[in-house]
Amino acid sequence: MATFKVGDQVKWSSHGAQAHGKIVRVAHESGEVSGFHYQASGQDPRYIMEVESGKLTAHTGEALRGCLKPNSRKAAPDCWGQVQSRLSRIVLMAV
């Protein structure tokens, strides 16, 4: 099972398209976000993500993929926010 931490940029399939967001909380107990009830436990956590609009959503680790490929600094093309952030830091260092 994939494990993620708060602050990770992730993507997932949503209604036939790719969605992406940032993990803001890892839930180990059942709860609710944006009117959606989720079941979670210590062995089966739910990752609470914030999308660009500020809305929260919850998914299992199996439904998520990280924006960075394992052991690589190359970002997936649909995780532009993370790429843009890295580019901004590089530009600032070069100035």
N, C-alpha and C. Protein backbone atom coordinates (compact mmCIF):
# COMPACT_ATOMS: atom_id res chain seq x y z
N MET A 1 0.84 -1.18 0.00
CA MET A 1 0.00 0.00 0.00
C MET A 1 0.88 1.24 0.00
N ALA A 2 0.50 2.22 -0.80
CA ALA A 2 1.24 3.47 -0.87
C ALA A 2 1.01 4.28 0.40
N THR A 3 2.04 4.92 0.90
CA THR A 3 1.89 5.80 2.05
C THR A 3 2.36 7.19 1.66
N PHE A 4 1.63 8.17 2.11
CA PHE A 4 1.94 9.56 1.83
C PHE A 4 1.95 10.33 3.13
N LYS A 5 2.47 11.54 3.09
CA LYS A 5 2.51 12.37 4.30
C LYS A 5 1.92 13.74 4.00
N VAL A 6 1.60 14.48 5.04
CA VAL A 6 1.06 15.83 4.90
C VAL A 6 2.04 16.66 4.08
N GLY A 7 1.51 17.40 3.12
CA GLY A 7 2.32 18.25 2.27
C GLY A 7 2.63 17.62 0.91
N ASP A 8 2.46 16.30 0.79
CA ASP A 8 2.73 15.64 -0.50
C ASP A 8 1.73 16.10 -1.56
N GLN A 9 2.22 16.33 -2.76
CA GLN A 9 1.37 16.62 -3.91
C GLN A 9 1.01 15.28 -4.53
N VAL A 10 -0.28 15.03 -4.73
CA VAL A 10 -0.73 13.76 -5.28
C VAL A 10 -1.74 13.98 -6.40
N LYS A 11 -2.01 12.92 -7.15
CA LYS A 11 -3.02 12.96 -8.21
C LYS A 11 -3.85 11.70 -8.11
N TRP A 12 -5.06 11.76 -8.68
CA TRP A 12 -5.97 10.62 -8.66
C TRP A 12 -6.95 10.77 -9.80
N SER A 13 -7.60 9.66 -10.13
CA SER A 13 -8.61 9.67 -11.18
C SER A 13 -9.92 10.16 -10.60
N SER A 14 -10.54 11.12 -11.28
CA SER A 14 -11.80 11.69 -10.81
C SER A 14 -12.74 11.89 -11.98
N HIS A 15 -13.76 11.05 -12.05
CA HIS A 15 -14.78 11.15 -13.11
C HIS A 15 -14.16 11.14 -14.50
N GLY A 16 -13.20 10.26 -14.72
CA GLY A 16 -12.59 10.09 -16.03
C GLY A 16 -11.49 11.07 -16.35
N ALA A 17 -11.13 11.92 -15.42
CA ALA A 17 -10.05 12.89 -15.62
C ALA A 17 -9.07 12.78 -14.46
N GLN A 18 -7.96 13.45 -14.58
CA GLN A 18 -6.97 13.48 -13.51
C GLN A 18 -7.22 14.69 -12.62
N ALA A 19 -7.24 14.48 -11.32
CA ALA A 19 -7.34 15.57 -10.35
C ALA A 19 -6.04 15.57 -9.55
N HIS A 20 -5.70 16.70 -8.99
CA HIS A 20 -4.50 16.75 -8.15
C HIS A 20 -4.71 17.72 -7.01
N GLY A 21 -3.96 17.51 -5.95
CA GLY A 21 -4.06 18.35 -4.77
C GLY A 21 -2.94 18.05 -3.80
N LYS A 22 -3.02 18.69 -2.64
CA LYS A 22 -2.00 18.54 -1.62
C LYS A 22 -2.63 17.89 -0.39
N ILE A 23 -1.93 16.90 0.18
CA ILE A 23 -2.43 16.24 1.38
C ILE A 23 -2.30 17.20 2.55
N VAL A 24 -3.44 17.43 3.25
CA VAL A 24 -3.45 18.33 4.40
C VAL A 24 -3.64 17.58 5.72
N ARG A 25 -4.09 16.32 5.63
CA ARG A 25 -4.30 15.54 6.86
C ARG A 25 -4.35 14.06 6.50
N VAL A 26 -3.88 13.23 7.41
CA VAL A 26 -4.02 11.78 7.28
C VAL A 26 -4.98 11.35 8.39
N ALA A 27 -6.15 10.82 7.99
CA ALA A 27 -7.19 10.44 8.94
C ALA A 27 -7.07 8.97 9.30
N HIS A 28 -7.06 8.67 10.60
CA HIS A 28 -7.01 7.29 11.08
C HIS A 28 -8.32 6.90 11.76
N GLU A 29 -9.29 7.81 11.72
CA GLU A 29 -10.63 7.54 12.25
C GLU A 29 -11.65 8.00 11.21
N SER A 30 -12.81 7.40 11.21
CA SER A 30 -13.86 7.77 10.27
C SER A 30 -14.26 9.22 10.48
N GLY A 31 -14.73 9.85 9.42
CA GLY A 31 -15.11 11.26 9.52
C GLY A 31 -15.85 11.72 8.28
N GLU A 32 -15.84 13.04 8.08
CA GLU A 32 -16.57 13.64 6.96
C GLU A 32 -15.79 14.83 6.42
N VAL A 33 -15.74 14.96 5.10
CA VAL A 33 -15.20 16.14 4.44
C VAL A 33 -16.13 16.52 3.30
N SER A 34 -16.44 17.79 3.19
CA SER A 34 -17.30 18.31 2.12
C SER A 34 -18.59 17.51 1.95
N GLY A 35 -19.19 17.09 3.07
CA GLY A 35 -20.44 16.34 3.02
C GLY A 35 -20.29 14.87 2.68
N PHE A 36 -19.07 14.40 2.51
CA PHE A 36 -18.80 13.01 2.17
C PHE A 36 -18.30 12.28 3.40
N HIS A 37 -18.95 11.18 3.77
CA HIS A 37 -18.53 10.36 4.91
C HIS A 37 -17.51 9.33 4.44
N TYR A 38 -16.43 9.17 5.20
CA TYR A 38 -15.42 8.17 4.87
C TYR A 38 -15.16 7.29 6.08
N GLN A 39 -14.75 6.06 5.82
CA GLN A 39 -14.39 5.10 6.85
C GLN A 39 -12.87 4.98 6.86
N ALA A 40 -12.25 5.15 8.00
CA ALA A 40 -10.80 5.06 8.12
C ALA A 40 -10.44 4.36 9.42
N SER A 41 -9.23 3.82 9.46
CA SER A 41 -8.71 3.19 10.68
C SER A 41 -7.20 3.34 10.67
N GLY A 42 -6.57 2.92 11.73
CA GLY A 42 -5.12 2.98 11.81
C GLY A 42 -4.44 2.18 10.72
N GLN A 43 -5.04 1.05 10.34
CA GLN A 43 -4.47 0.20 9.30
C GLN A 43 -4.97 0.56 7.91
N ASP A 44 -6.01 1.37 7.82
CA ASP A 44 -6.59 1.75 6.53
C ASP A 44 -6.93 3.26 6.56
N PRO A 45 -5.89 4.12 6.55
CA PRO A 45 -6.13 5.56 6.66
C PRO A 45 -6.75 6.16 5.40
N ARG A 46 -7.31 7.33 5.54
CA ARG A 46 -7.78 8.12 4.41
C ARG A 46 -6.94 9.38 4.36
N TYR A 47 -6.57 9.75 3.15
CA TYR A 47 -5.78 10.95 2.94
C TYR A 47 -6.71 12.08 2.56
N ILE A 48 -6.65 13.17 3.30
CA ILE A 48 -7.50 14.33 3.06
C ILE A 48 -6.67 15.32 2.24
N MET A 49 -7.17 15.64 1.03
CA MET A 49 -6.46 16.53 0.14
C MET A 49 -7.24 17.81 -0.07
N GLU A 50 -6.50 18.89 -0.30
CA GLU A 50 -7.10 20.15 -0.68
C GLU A 50 -6.79 20.37 -2.16
N VAL A 51 -7.84 20.64 -2.93
CA VAL A 51 -7.66 20.91 -4.36
C VAL A 51 -7.53 22.42 -4.55
N GLU A 52 -7.21 22.83 -5.77
CA GLU A 52 -6.94 24.23 -6.07
C GLU A 52 -8.06 25.17 -5.63
N SER A 53 -9.31 24.74 -5.73
CA SER A 53 -10.45 25.57 -5.35
C SER A 53 -10.60 25.71 -3.84
N GLY A 54 -9.82 24.94 -3.07
CA GLY A 54 -9.90 24.97 -1.62
C GLY A 54 -10.79 23.88 -1.05
N LYS A 55 -11.50 23.16 -1.91
CA LYS A 55 -12.38 22.07 -1.47
C LYS A 55 -11.54 20.90 -0.96
N LEU A 56 -12.07 20.19 0.03
CA LEU A 56 -11.39 19.02 0.58
C LEU A 56 -12.02 17.75 0.03
N THR A 57 -11.19 16.72 -0.13
CA THR A 57 -11.65 15.41 -0.58
C THR A 57 -10.83 14.35 0.15
N ALA A 58 -11.36 13.14 0.26
CA ALA A 58 -10.68 12.05 0.96
C ALA A 58 -10.58 10.84 0.05
N HIS A 59 -9.41 10.18 0.07
CA HIS A 59 -9.20 8.98 -0.73
C HIS A 59 -8.30 8.00 0.00
N THR A 60 -8.33 6.76 -0.44
CA THR A 60 -7.41 5.74 0.08
C THR A 60 -6.04 5.92 -0.57
N GLY A 61 -5.03 5.36 0.04
CA GLY A 61 -3.69 5.41 -0.53
C GLY A 61 -3.61 4.73 -1.89
N GLU A 62 -4.43 3.68 -2.08
CA GLU A 62 -4.41 2.95 -3.36
C GLU A 62 -4.92 3.81 -4.52
N ALA A 63 -5.78 4.78 -4.22
CA ALA A 63 -6.35 5.63 -5.26
C ALA A 63 -5.41 6.76 -5.67
N LEU A 64 -4.37 7.00 -4.87
CA LEU A 64 -3.49 8.14 -5.11
C LEU A 64 -2.18 7.75 -5.75
N ARG A 65 -1.62 8.69 -6.48
CA ARG A 65 -0.27 8.55 -7.01
C ARG A 65 0.47 9.84 -6.70
N GLY A 66 1.73 9.70 -6.35
CA GLY A 66 2.53 10.88 -6.08
C GLY A 66 2.86 11.62 -7.36
N CYS A 67 3.08 12.91 -7.24
CA CYS A 67 3.43 13.70 -8.42
C CYS A 67 4.87 13.49 -8.83
N LEU A 68 5.71 13.12 -7.91
CA LEU A 68 7.09 12.82 -8.27
C LEU A 68 7.24 11.32 -8.43
N LYS A 69 7.90 10.92 -9.50
CA LYS A 69 8.15 9.50 -9.70
C LYS A 69 9.14 9.04 -8.63
N PRO A 70 8.98 7.81 -8.10
CA PRO A 70 9.90 7.33 -7.06
C PRO A 70 11.35 7.43 -7.51
N ASN A 71 12.23 7.90 -6.60
CA ASN A 71 13.67 8.03 -6.85
C ASN A 71 13.98 8.89 -8.06
N SER A 72 13.17 9.90 -8.29
CA SER A 72 13.37 10.75 -9.46
C SER A 72 12.99 12.17 -9.11
N ARG A 73 13.58 13.12 -9.80
CA ARG A 73 13.20 14.52 -9.63
C ARG A 73 12.31 14.98 -10.77
N LYS A 74 11.93 14.06 -11.67
CA LYS A 74 11.06 14.42 -12.78
C LYS A 74 9.61 14.34 -12.34
N ALA A 75 8.89 15.42 -12.54
CA ALA A 75 7.48 15.47 -12.13
C ALA A 75 6.59 14.97 -13.25
N ALA A 76 5.48 14.39 -12.87
CA ALA A 76 4.46 13.99 -13.84
C ALA A 76 3.90 15.26 -14.48
N PRO A 77 3.54 15.22 -15.77
CA PRO A 77 3.10 16.42 -16.47
C PRO A 77 1.86 17.09 -15.88
N ASP A 78 0.99 16.34 -15.22
CA ASP A 78 -0.23 16.95 -14.70
C ASP A 78 -0.08 17.48 -13.28
N CYS A 79 1.11 17.58 -12.79
CA CYS A 79 1.37 18.14 -11.48
C CYS A 79 2.15 19.43 -11.64
N TRP A 80 1.67 20.31 -12.49
CA TRP A 80 2.38 21.53 -12.84
C TRP A 80 2.65 22.42 -11.64
N GLY A 81 1.75 22.46 -10.67
CA GLY A 81 1.96 23.31 -9.51
C GLY A 81 3.27 22.99 -8.81
N GLN A 82 3.59 21.72 -8.70
CA GLN A 82 4.82 21.32 -8.04
C GLN A 82 6.01 21.69 -8.91
N VAL A 83 5.90 21.50 -10.22
CA VAL A 83 6.98 21.86 -11.14
C VAL A 83 7.22 23.36 -11.07
N GLN A 84 6.14 24.15 -11.09
CA GLN A 84 6.25 25.59 -11.06
C GLN A 84 6.93 26.05 -9.78
N SER A 85 6.60 25.43 -8.65
CA SER A 85 7.21 25.79 -7.38
C SER A 85 8.71 25.52 -7.41
N ARG A 86 9.11 24.38 -7.96
CA ARG A 86 10.53 24.05 -8.06
C ARG A 86 11.25 25.04 -8.98
N LEU A 87 10.63 25.39 -10.10
CA LEU A 87 11.24 26.33 -11.04
C LEU A 87 11.41 27.70 -10.39
N SER A 88 10.44 28.13 -9.60
CA SER A 88 10.53 29.42 -8.91
C SER A 88 11.73 29.45 -7.98
N ARG A 89 11.95 28.36 -7.25
CA ARG A 89 13.10 28.31 -6.34
C ARG A 89 14.41 28.34 -7.11
N ILE A 90 14.46 27.64 -8.24
CA ILE A 90 15.68 27.62 -9.04
C ILE A 90 15.98 29.01 -9.58
N VAL A 91 14.94 29.69 -10.09
CA VAL A 91 15.14 31.05 -10.61
C VAL A 91 15.62 31.98 -9.51
N LEU A 92 15.04 31.87 -8.32
CA LEU A 92 15.46 32.74 -7.21
C LEU A 92 16.90 32.47 -6.82
N MET A 93 17.34 31.22 -6.87
CA MET A 93 18.72 30.88 -6.53
C MET A 93 19.68 31.42 -7.58
N ALA A 94 19.25 31.51 -8.83
CA ALA A 94 20.11 31.94 -9.92
C ALA A 94 20.28 33.46 -9.94
N VAL A 95 19.37 34.17 -9.30
CA VAL A 95 19.42 35.65 -9.34
C VAL A 95 20.45 36.19 -8.39
